[in-house]
Amino acid sequence: SYTIIRVSGFNESPSTDSSAVRLQKTNENISPVSRADLSQVIASALLEPNACNVILYMTKSNQRGVVDGDVFAKFARLRSEKEEDELPPFQ
């Protein structure tokens, strides 16, 4: 299995809490992230079944201070979006 995490680059900011990180399927509006934040997401991906066979983009959240759940919940949300995208059309 695999998990591919794409970033637009790195900034010099210190690590933040997981609410400041967004995981998404598209490369729209992505911004550089800290190496510490990327390391946290990579370590979480190793332990999270929802991170298997996923390609994603990691960026900083546009809104500061908004609690968006932990990294595991973010992987689960990506997985549910992926399954919705792969459903056959209704006939």
PDB file of N, CA and C in Angstrom:
ATOM      1  N   SER A   1       0.840  -1.182   0.000  1.00  0.00           N
ATOM      2  CA  SER A   1       0.000   0.000   0.000  1.00  0.00           C
ATOM      3  C   SER A   1       0.885   1.245   0.000  1.00  0.00           C
ATOM      4  N   TYR A   2       0.278   2.394  -0.208  1.00  0.00           N
ATOM      5  CA  TYR A   2       1.030   3.640  -0.324  1.00  0.00           C
ATOM      6  C   TYR A   2       0.218   4.810   0.235  1.00  0.00           C
ATOM      7  N   THR A   3       0.922   5.854   0.588  1.00  0.00           N
ATOM      8  CA  THR A   3       0.342   7.153   0.901  1.00  0.00           C
ATOM      9  C   THR A   3       1.289   8.187   0.320  1.00  0.00           C
ATOM     10  N   ILE A   4       0.804   9.004  -0.597  1.00  0.00           N
ATOM     11  CA  ILE A   4       1.616  10.054  -1.200  1.00  0.00           C
ATOM     12  C   ILE A   4       1.106  11.385  -0.670  1.00  0.00           C
ATOM     13  N   ILE A   5       1.994  12.116  -0.004  1.00  0.00           N
ATOM     14  CA  ILE A   5       1.641  13.411   0.565  1.00  0.00           C
ATOM     15  C   ILE A   5       2.435  14.467  -0.196  1.00  0.00           C
ATOM     16  N   ARG A   6       1.728  15.330  -0.898  1.00  0.00           N
ATOM     17  CA  ARG A   6       2.369  16.373  -1.694  1.00  0.00           C
ATOM     18  C   ARG A   6       2.255  17.707  -0.975  1.00  0.00           C
ATOM     19  N   VAL A   7       3.343  18.470  -1.010  1.00  0.00           N
ATOM     20  CA  VAL A   7       3.359  19.812  -0.415  1.00  0.00           C
ATOM     21  C   VAL A   7       3.901  20.788  -1.454  1.00  0.00           C
ATOM     22  N   SER A   8       3.587  22.073  -1.276  1.00  0.00           N
ATOM     23  CA  SER A   8       4.086  23.073  -2.220  1.00  0.00           C
ATOM     24  C   SER A   8       5.466  23.569  -1.822  1.00  0.00           C
ATOM     25  N   GLY A   9       5.894  23.240  -0.639  1.00  0.00           N
ATOM     26  CA  GLY A   9       7.198  23.671  -0.146  1.00  0.00           C
ATOM     27  C   GLY A   9       7.172  23.707   1.369  1.00  0.00           C
ATOM     28  N   PHE A  10       8.274  24.179   1.919  1.00  0.00           N
ATOM     29  CA  PHE A  10       8.400  24.245   3.371  1.00  0.00           C
ATOM     30  C   PHE A  10       8.563  25.687   3.807  1.00  0.00           C
ATOM     31  N   ASN A  11       8.018  26.007   4.973  1.00  0.00           N
ATOM     32  CA  ASN A  11       8.239  27.321   5.570  1.00  0.00           C
ATOM     33  C   ASN A  11       9.104  27.134   6.807  1.00  0.00           C
ATOM     34  N   GLU A  12       9.469  28.203   7.414  1.00  0.00           N
ATOM     35  CA  GLU A  12      10.337  28.146   8.587  1.00  0.00           C
ATOM     36  C   GLU A  12       9.554  28.219   9.894  1.00  0.00           C
ATOM     37  N   SER A  13       8.240  28.103   9.816  1.00  0.00           N
ATOM     38  CA  SER A  13       7.410  28.178  11.013  1.00  0.00           C
ATOM     39  C   SER A  13       7.592  26.947  11.886  1.00  0.00           C
ATOM     40  N   PRO A  14       7.455  27.112  13.185  1.00  0.00           N
ATOM     41  CA  PRO A  14       7.506  25.942  14.065  1.00  0.00           C
ATOM     42  C   PRO A  14       6.250  25.096  13.896  1.00  0.00           C
ATOM     43  N   SER A  15       6.272  23.935  14.470  1.00  0.00           N
ATOM     44  CA  SER A  15       5.126  23.036  14.399  1.00  0.00           C
ATOM     45  C   SER A  15       3.907  23.677  15.036  1.00  0.00           C
ATOM     46  N   THR A  16       2.749  23.298  14.506  1.00  0.00           N
ATOM     47  CA  THR A  16       1.494  23.799  15.048  1.00  0.00           C
ATOM     48  C   THR A  16       0.643  22.609  15.452  1.00  0.00           C
ATOM     49  N   ASP A  17      -0.542  22.877  15.973  1.00  0.00           N
ATOM     50  CA  ASP A  17      -1.432  21.760  16.278  1.00  0.00           C
ATOM     51  C   ASP A  17      -2.085  21.274  14.986  1.00  0.00           C
ATOM     52  N   SER A  18      -2.712  20.121  15.040  1.00  0.00           N
ATOM     53  CA  SER A  18      -3.260  19.513  13.824  1.00  0.00           C
ATOM     54  C   SER A  18      -4.416  20.308  13.235  1.00  0.00           C
ATOM     55  N   SER A  19      -5.021  21.227  14.009  1.00  0.00           N
ATOM     56  CA  SER A  19      -6.120  22.014  13.460  1.00  0.00           C
ATOM     57  C   SER A  19      -5.635  23.010  12.412  1.00  0.00           C
ATOM     58  N   ALA A  20      -4.337  23.307  12.394  1.00  0.00           N
ATOM     59  CA  ALA A  20      -3.794  24.265  11.435  1.00  0.00           C
ATOM     60  C   ALA A  20      -3.384  23.598  10.126  1.00  0.00           C
ATOM     61  N   VAL A  21      -3.563  22.287  10.020  1.00  0.00           N
ATOM     62  CA  VAL A  21      -3.175  21.540   8.830  1.00  0.00           C
ATOM     63  C   VAL A  21      -4.422  21.045   8.112  1.00  0.00           C
ATOM     64  N   ARG A  22      -4.409  21.167   6.785  1.00  0.00           N
ATOM     65  CA  ARG A  22      -5.531  20.672   5.999  1.00  0.00           C
ATOM     66  C   ARG A  22      -5.014  19.636   5.010  1.00  0.00           C
ATOM     67  N   LEU A  23      -5.724  18.520   4.876  1.00  0.00           N
ATOM     68  CA  LEU A  23      -5.427  17.485   3.900  1.00  0.00           C
ATOM     69  C   LEU A  23      -6.538  17.526   2.863  1.00  0.00           C
ATOM     70  N   GLN A  24      -6.157  17.549   1.597  1.00  0.00           N
ATOM     71  CA  GLN A  24      -7.159  17.660   0.547  1.00  0.00           C
ATOM     72  C   GLN A  24      -6.726  16.880  -0.687  1.00  0.00           C
ATOM     73  N   LYS A  25      -7.665  16.656  -1.587  1.00  0.00           N
ATOM     74  CA  LYS A  25      -7.404  15.864  -2.788  1.00  0.00           C
ATOM     75  C   LYS A  25      -6.887  16.693  -3.952  1.00  0.00           C
ATOM     76  N   THR A  26      -7.104  17.990  -3.942  1.00  0.00           N
ATOM     77  CA  THR A  26      -6.700  18.831  -5.061  1.00  0.00           C
ATOM     78  C   THR A  26      -5.547  19.737  -4.668  1.00  0.00           C
ATOM     79  N   ASN A  27      -4.887  20.295  -5.682  1.00  0.00           N
ATOM     80  CA  ASN A  27      -3.765  21.189  -5.410  1.00  0.00           C
ATOM     81  C   ASN A  27      -4.190  22.654  -5.418  1.00  0.00           C
ATOM     82  N   GLU A  28      -5.453  22.910  -5.183  1.00  0.00           N
ATOM     83  CA  GLU A  28      -5.952  24.285  -5.143  1.00  0.00           C
ATOM     84  C   GLU A  28      -5.637  24.928  -3.795  1.00  0.00           C
ATOM     85  N   ASN A  29      -5.139  26.137  -3.853  1.00  0.00           N
ATOM     86  CA  ASN A  29      -4.893  26.944  -2.652  1.00  0.00           C
ATOM     87  C   ASN A  29      -3.991  26.250  -1.641  1.00  0.00           C
ATOM     88  N   ILE A  30      -2.916  25.638  -2.101  1.00  0.00           N
ATOM     89  CA  ILE A  30      -2.002  25.026  -1.149  1.00  0.00           C
ATOM     90  C   ILE A  30      -0.869  25.996  -0.846  1.00  0.00           C
ATOM     91  N   SER A  31      -0.388  25.932   0.363  1.00  0.00           N
ATOM     92  CA  SER A  31       0.696  26.810   0.801  1.00  0.00           C
ATOM     93  C   SER A  31       1.748  25.969   1.512  1.00  0.00           C
ATOM     94  N   PRO A  32       2.953  26.504   1.642  1.00  0.00           N
ATOM     95  CA  PRO A  32       4.021  25.755   2.311  1.00  0.00           C
ATOM     96  C   PRO A  32       3.660  25.384   3.750  1.00  0.00           C
ATOM     97  N   VAL A  33       4.214  24.274   4.213  1.00  0.00           N
ATOM     98  CA  VAL A  33       3.988  23.776   5.569  1.00  0.00           C
ATOM     99  C   VAL A  33       5.325  23.605   6.266  1.00  0.00           C
ATOM    100  N   SER A  34       5.298  23.471   7.570  1.00  0.00           N
ATOM    101  CA  SER A  34       6.547  23.251   8.298  1.00  0.00           C
ATOM    102  C   SER A  34       6.950  21.780   8.197  1.00  0.00           C
ATOM    103  N   ARG A  35       8.229  21.535   8.309  1.00  0.00           N
ATOM    104  CA  ARG A  35       8.728  20.155   8.274  1.00  0.00           C
ATOM    105  C   ARG A  35       8.173  19.342   9.443  1.00  0.00           C
ATOM    106  N   ALA A  36       7.997  19.997  10.580  1.00  0.00           N
ATOM    107  CA  ALA A  36       7.467  19.312  11.764  1.00  0.00           C
ATOM    108  C   ALA A  36       6.023  18.873  11.537  1.00  0.00           C
ATOM    109  N   ASP A  37       5.217  19.739  10.909  1.00  0.00           N
ATOM    110  CA  ASP A  37       3.835  19.368  10.621  1.00  0.00           C
ATOM    111  C   ASP A  37       3.785  18.205   9.632  1.00  0.00           C
ATOM    112  N   LEU A  38       4.629  18.250   8.600  1.00  0.00           N
ATOM    113  CA  LEU A  38       4.672  17.148   7.641  1.00  0.00           C
ATOM    114  C   LEU A  38       5.084  15.854   8.336  1.00  0.00           C
ATOM    115  N   SER A  39       6.060  15.926   9.218  1.00  0.00           N
ATOM    116  CA  SER A  39       6.498  14.738   9.953  1.00  0.00           C
ATOM    117  C   SER A  39       5.361  14.148  10.779  1.00  0.00           C
ATOM    118  N   GLN A  40       4.559  15.007  11.393  1.00  0.00           N
ATOM    119  CA  GLN A  40       3.429  14.536  12.194  1.00  0.00           C
ATOM    120  C   GLN A  40       2.419  13.797  11.309  1.00  0.00           C
ATOM    121  N   VAL A  41       2.134  14.336  10.131  1.00  0.00           N
ATOM    122  CA  VAL A  41       1.178  13.700   9.227  1.00  0.00           C
ATOM    123  C   VAL A  41       1.733  12.377   8.710  1.00  0.00           C
ATOM    124  N   ILE A  42       3.012  12.334   8.381  1.00  0.00           N
ATOM    125  CA  ILE A  42       3.631  11.088   7.908  1.00  0.00           C
ATOM    126  C   ILE A  42       3.562  10.013   8.986  1.00  0.00           C
ATOM    127  N   ALA A  43       3.908  10.361  10.217  1.00  0.00           N
ATOM    128  CA  ALA A  43       3.858   9.390  11.315  1.00  0.00           C
ATOM    129  C   ALA A  43       2.427   8.904  11.543  1.00  0.00           C
ATOM    130  N   SER A  44       1.465   9.784  11.444  1.00  0.00           N
ATOM    131  CA  SER A  44       0.065   9.389  11.610  1.00  0.00           C
ATOM    132  C   SER A  44      -0.383   8.474  10.479  1.00  0.00           C
ATOM    133  N   ALA A  45       0.090   8.722   9.275  1.00  0.00           N
ATOM    134  CA  ALA A  45      -0.289   7.898   8.121  1.00  0.00           C
ATOM    135  C   ALA A  45       0.172   6.454   8.292  1.00  0.00           C
ATOM    136  N   LEU A  46       1.284   6.259   8.982  1.00  0.00           N
ATOM    137  CA  LEU A  46       1.781   4.900   9.210  1.00  0.00           C
ATOM    138  C   LEU A  46       0.838   4.077  10.077  1.00  0.00           C
ATOM    139  N   LEU A  47       0.083   4.749  10.936  1.00  0.00           N
ATOM    140  CA  LEU A  47      -0.791   4.069  11.897  1.00  0.00           C
ATOM    141  C   LEU A  47      -2.260   4.078  11.506  1.00  0.00           C
ATOM    142  N   GLU A  48      -2.603   4.784  10.446  1.00  0.00           N
ATOM    143  CA  GLU A  48      -4.011   4.998  10.107  1.00  0.00           C
ATOM    144  C   GLU A  48      -4.422   4.208   8.867  1.00  0.00           C
ATOM    145  N   PRO A  49      -5.334   3.236   9.011  1.00  0.00           N
ATOM    146  CA  PRO A  49      -5.786   2.456   7.851  1.00  0.00           C
ATOM    147  C   PRO A  49      -6.419   3.307   6.752  1.00  0.00           C
ATOM    148  N   ASN A  50      -7.051   4.421   7.115  1.00  0.00           N
ATOM    149  CA  ASN A  50      -7.662   5.292   6.113  1.00  0.00           C
ATOM    150  C   ASN A  50      -6.637   6.017   5.247  1.00  0.00           C
ATOM    151  N   ALA A  51      -5.371   5.947   5.620  1.00  0.00           N
ATOM    152  CA  ALA A  51      -4.323   6.594   4.833  1.00  0.00           C
ATOM    153  C   ALA A  51      -3.753   5.668   3.758  1.00  0.00           C
ATOM    154  N   CYS A  52      -4.204   4.434   3.708  1.00  0.00           N
ATOM    155  CA  CYS A  52      -3.692   3.476   2.714  1.00  0.00           C
ATOM    156  C   CYS A  52      -4.224   3.801   1.325  1.00  0.00           C
ATOM    157  N   ASN A  53      -3.318   3.746   0.345  1.00  0.00           N
ATOM    158  CA  ASN A  53      -3.668   3.935  -1.063  1.00  0.00           C
ATOM    159  C   ASN A  53      -4.326   5.287  -1.322  1.00  0.00           C
ATOM    160  N   VAL A  54      -3.727   6.331  -0.772  1.00  0.00           N
ATOM    161  CA  VAL A  54      -4.262   7.683  -0.890  1.00  0.00           C
ATOM    162  C   VAL A  54      -3.163   8.617  -1.413  1.00  0.00           C
ATOM    163  N   ILE A  55      -3.564   9.506  -2.322  1.00  0.00           N
ATOM    164  CA  ILE A  55      -2.700  10.594  -2.760  1.00  0.00           C
ATOM    165  C   ILE A  55      -3.371  11.881  -2.306  1.00  0.00           C
ATOM    166  N   LEU A  56      -2.644  12.735  -1.590  1.00  0.00           N
ATOM    167  CA  LEU A  56      -3.244  13.939  -1.044  1.00  0.00           C
ATOM    168  C   LEU A  56      -2.277  15.101  -1.063  1.00  0.00           C
ATOM    169  N   TYR A  57      -2.831  16.273  -0.888  1.00  0.00           N
ATOM    170  CA  TYR A  57      -2.059  17.502  -0.752  1.00  0.00           C
ATOM    171  C   TYR A  57      -2.218  17.993   0.677  1.00  0.00           C
ATOM    172  N   MET A  58      -1.123  18.475   1.225  1.00  0.00           N
ATOM    173  CA  MET A  58      -1.132  19.003   2.586  1.00  0.00           C
ATOM    174  C   MET A  58      -0.873  20.501   2.518  1.00  0.00           C
ATOM    175  N   THR A  59      -1.649  21.264   3.250  1.00  0.00           N
ATOM    176  CA  THR A  59      -1.491  22.708   3.276  1.00  0.00           C
ATOM    177  C   THR A  59      -1.843  23.241   4.655  1.00  0.00           C
ATOM    178  N   LYS A  60      -1.577  24.498   4.862  1.00  0.00           N
ATOM    179  CA  LYS A  60      -1.986  25.152   6.101  1.00  0.00           C
ATOM    180  C   LYS A  60      -3.446  25.541   5.963  1.00  0.00           C
ATOM    181  N   SER A  61      -4.167  25.485   7.050  1.00  0.00           N
ATOM    182  CA  SER A  61      -5.571  25.870   7.054  1.00  0.00           C
ATOM    183  C   SER A  61      -5.685  27.377   6.828  1.00  0.00           C
ATOM    184  N   ASN A  62      -6.696  27.787   6.092  1.00  0.00           N
ATOM    185  CA  ASN A  62      -6.901  29.216   5.833  1.00  0.00           C
ATOM    186  C   ASN A  62      -7.363  29.957   7.069  1.00  0.00           C
ATOM    187  N   GLN A  63      -8.047  29.270   7.971  1.00  0.00           N
ATOM    188  CA  GLN A  63      -8.579  29.904   9.164  1.00  0.00           C
ATOM    189  C   GLN A  63      -7.809  29.419  10.377  1.00  0.00           C
ATOM    190  N   ARG A  64      -7.232  30.352  11.094  1.00  0.00           N
ATOM    191  CA  ARG A  64      -6.475  29.991  12.286  1.00  0.00           C
ATOM    192  C   ARG A  64      -7.414  29.751  13.454  1.00  0.00           C
ATOM    193  N   GLY A  65      -7.058  28.780  14.273  1.00  0.00           N
ATOM    194  CA  GLY A  65      -7.796  28.536  15.497  1.00  0.00           C
ATOM    195  C   GLY A  65      -9.064  27.719  15.321  1.00  0.00           C
ATOM    196  N   VAL A  66      -9.356  27.298  14.127  1.00  0.00           N
ATOM    197  CA  VAL A  66     -10.552  26.484  13.908  1.00  0.00           C
ATOM    198  C   VAL A  66     -10.189  25.035  14.173  1.00  0.00           C
ATOM    199  N   VAL A  67     -10.846  24.413  15.131  1.00  0.00           N
ATOM    200  CA  VAL A  67     -10.554  23.020  15.448  1.00  0.00           C
ATOM    201  C   VAL A  67     -11.151  22.149  14.354  1.00  0.00           C
ATOM    202  N   ASP A  68     -10.292  21.427  13.676  1.00  0.00           N
ATOM    203  CA  ASP A  68     -10.719  20.627  12.529  1.00  0.00           C
ATOM    204  C   ASP A  68     -10.511  19.141  12.800  1.00  0.00           C
ATOM    205  N   GLY A  69     -10.314  18.755  14.041  1.00  0.00           N
ATOM    206  CA  GLY A  69     -10.110  17.353  14.358  1.00  0.00           C
ATOM    207  C   GLY A  69      -8.645  16.977  14.292  1.00  0.00           C
ATOM    208  N   ASP A  70      -8.349  15.780  14.745  1.00  0.00           N
ATOM    209  CA  ASP A  70      -6.973  15.317  14.701  1.00  0.00           C
ATOM    210  C   ASP A  70      -6.639  14.778  13.311  1.00  0.00           C
ATOM    211  N   VAL A  71      -5.382  14.430  13.103  1.00  0.00           N
ATOM    212  CA  VAL A  71      -4.930  13.976  11.791  1.00  0.00           C
ATOM    213  C   VAL A  71      -5.644  12.691  11.387  1.00  0.00           C
ATOM    214  N   PHE A  72      -5.917  11.791  12.327  1.00  0.00           N
ATOM    215  CA  PHE A  72      -6.609  10.548  12.001  1.00  0.00           C
ATOM    216  C   PHE A  72      -8.000  10.832  11.437  1.00  0.00           C
ATOM    217  N   ALA A  73      -8.702  11.798  12.032  1.00  0.00           N
ATOM    218  CA  ALA A  73     -10.027  12.172  11.529  1.00  0.00           C
ATOM    219  C   ALA A  73      -9.935  12.766  10.135  1.00  0.00           C
ATOM    220  N   LYS A  74      -8.860  13.473   9.857  1.00  0.00           N
ATOM    221  CA  LYS A  74      -8.690  14.057   8.523  1.00  0.00           C
ATOM    222  C   LYS A  74      -8.476  12.975   7.473  1.00  0.00           C
ATOM    223  N   PHE A  75      -7.724  11.936   7.808  1.00  0.00           N
ATOM    224  CA  PHE A  75      -7.558  10.815   6.876  1.00  0.00           C
ATOM    225  C   PHE A  75      -8.891  10.114   6.645  1.00  0.00           C
ATOM    226  N   ALA A  76      -9.680   9.957   7.689  1.00  0.00           N
ATOM    227  CA  ALA A  76     -10.987   9.304   7.552  1.00  0.00           C
ATOM    228  C   ALA A  76     -11.895  10.121   6.645  1.00  0.00           C
ATOM    229  N   ARG A  77     -11.849  11.445   6.773  1.00  0.00           N
ATOM    230  CA  ARG A  77     -12.658  12.315   5.933  1.00  0.00           C
ATOM    231  C   ARG A  77     -12.228  12.198   4.470  1.00  0.00           C
ATOM    232  N   LEU A  78     -10.928  12.137   4.216  1.00  0.00           N
ATOM    233  CA  LEU A  78     -10.437  11.955   2.845  1.00  0.00           C
ATOM    234  C   LEU A  78     -10.907  10.634   2.274  1.00  0.00           C
ATOM    235  N   ARG A  79     -10.863   9.582   3.082  1.00  0.00           N
ATOM    236  CA  ARG A  79     -11.291   8.255   2.623  1.00  0.00           C
ATOM    237  C   ARG A  79     -12.764   8.282   2.244  1.00  0.00           C
ATOM    238  N   SER A  80     -13.603   8.907   3.064  1.00  0.00           N
ATOM    239  CA  SER A  80     -15.033   8.937   2.755  1.00  0.00           C
ATOM    240  C   SER A  80     -15.291   9.747   1.484  1.00  0.00           C
ATOM    241  N   GLU A  81     -14.531  10.810   1.250  1.00  0.00           N
ATOM    242  CA  GLU A  81     -14.663  11.580   0.014  1.00  0.00           C
ATOM    243  C   GLU A  81     -14.243  10.737  -1.185  1.00  0.00           C
ATOM    244  N   LYS A  82     -13.190   9.949  -1.016  1.00  0.00           N
ATOM    245  CA  LYS A  82     -12.710   9.102  -2.107  1.00  0.00           C
ATOM    246  C   LYS A  82     -13.757   8.066  -2.474  1.00  0.00           C
ATOM    247  N   GLU A  83     -14.371   7.442  -1.487  1.00  0.00           N
ATOM    248  CA  GLU A  83     -15.386   6.429  -1.753  1.00  0.00           C
ATOM    249  C   GLU A  83     -16.595   7.039  -2.452  1.00  0.00           C
ATOM    250  N   GLU A  84     -16.968   8.263  -2.089  1.00  0.00           N
ATOM    251  CA  GLU A  84     -18.079   8.928  -2.760  1.00  0.00           C
ATOM    252  C   GLU A  84     -17.744   9.200  -4.215  1.00  0.00           C
ATOM    253  N   ASP A  85     -16.485   9.580  -4.501  1.00  0.00           N
ATOM    254  CA  ASP A  85     -16.065   9.849  -5.872  1.00  0.00           C
ATOM    255  C   ASP A  85     -16.077   8.599  -6.722  1.00  0.00           C
ATOM    256  N   GLU A  86     -15.848   7.442  -6.124  1.00  0.00           N
ATOM    257  CA  GLU A  86     -15.718   6.204  -6.881  1.00  0.00           C
ATOM    258  C   GLU A  86     -17.029   5.444  -7.047  1.00  0.00           C
ATOM    259  N   LEU A  87     -18.112   5.936  -6.457  1.00  0.00           N
ATOM    260  CA  LEU A  87     -19.379   5.249  -6.585  1.00  0.00           C
ATOM    261  C   LEU A  87     -19.854   5.304  -8.033  1.00  0.00           C
ATOM    262  N   PRO A  88     -20.414   4.200  -8.542  1.00  0.00           N
ATOM    263  CA  PRO A  88     -20.928   4.231  -9.913  1.00  0.00           C
ATOM    264  C   PRO A  88     -22.131   5.167 -10.006  1.00  0.00           C
ATOM    265  N   PRO A  89     -22.361   5.733 -11.174  1.00  0.00           N
ATOM    266  CA  PRO A  89     -23.498   6.658 -11.300  1.00  0.00           C
ATOM    267  C   PRO A  89     -24.817   5.917 -11.083  1.00  0.00           C
ATOM    268  N   PHE A  90     -25.775   6.634 -10.528  1.00  0.00           N
ATOM    269  CA  PHE A  90     -27.093   6.049 -10.273  1.00  0.00           C
ATOM    270  C   PHE A  90     -27.818   5.821 -11.599  1.00  0.00           C
ATOM    271  N   GLN A  91     -28.399   4.643 -11.731  1.00  0.00           N
ATOM    272  CA  GLN A  91     -29.123   4.331 -12.980  1.00  0.00           C
ATOM    273  C   GLN A  91     -30.520   3.907 -12.688  1.00  0.00           C
TER     274      GLN A  91
END
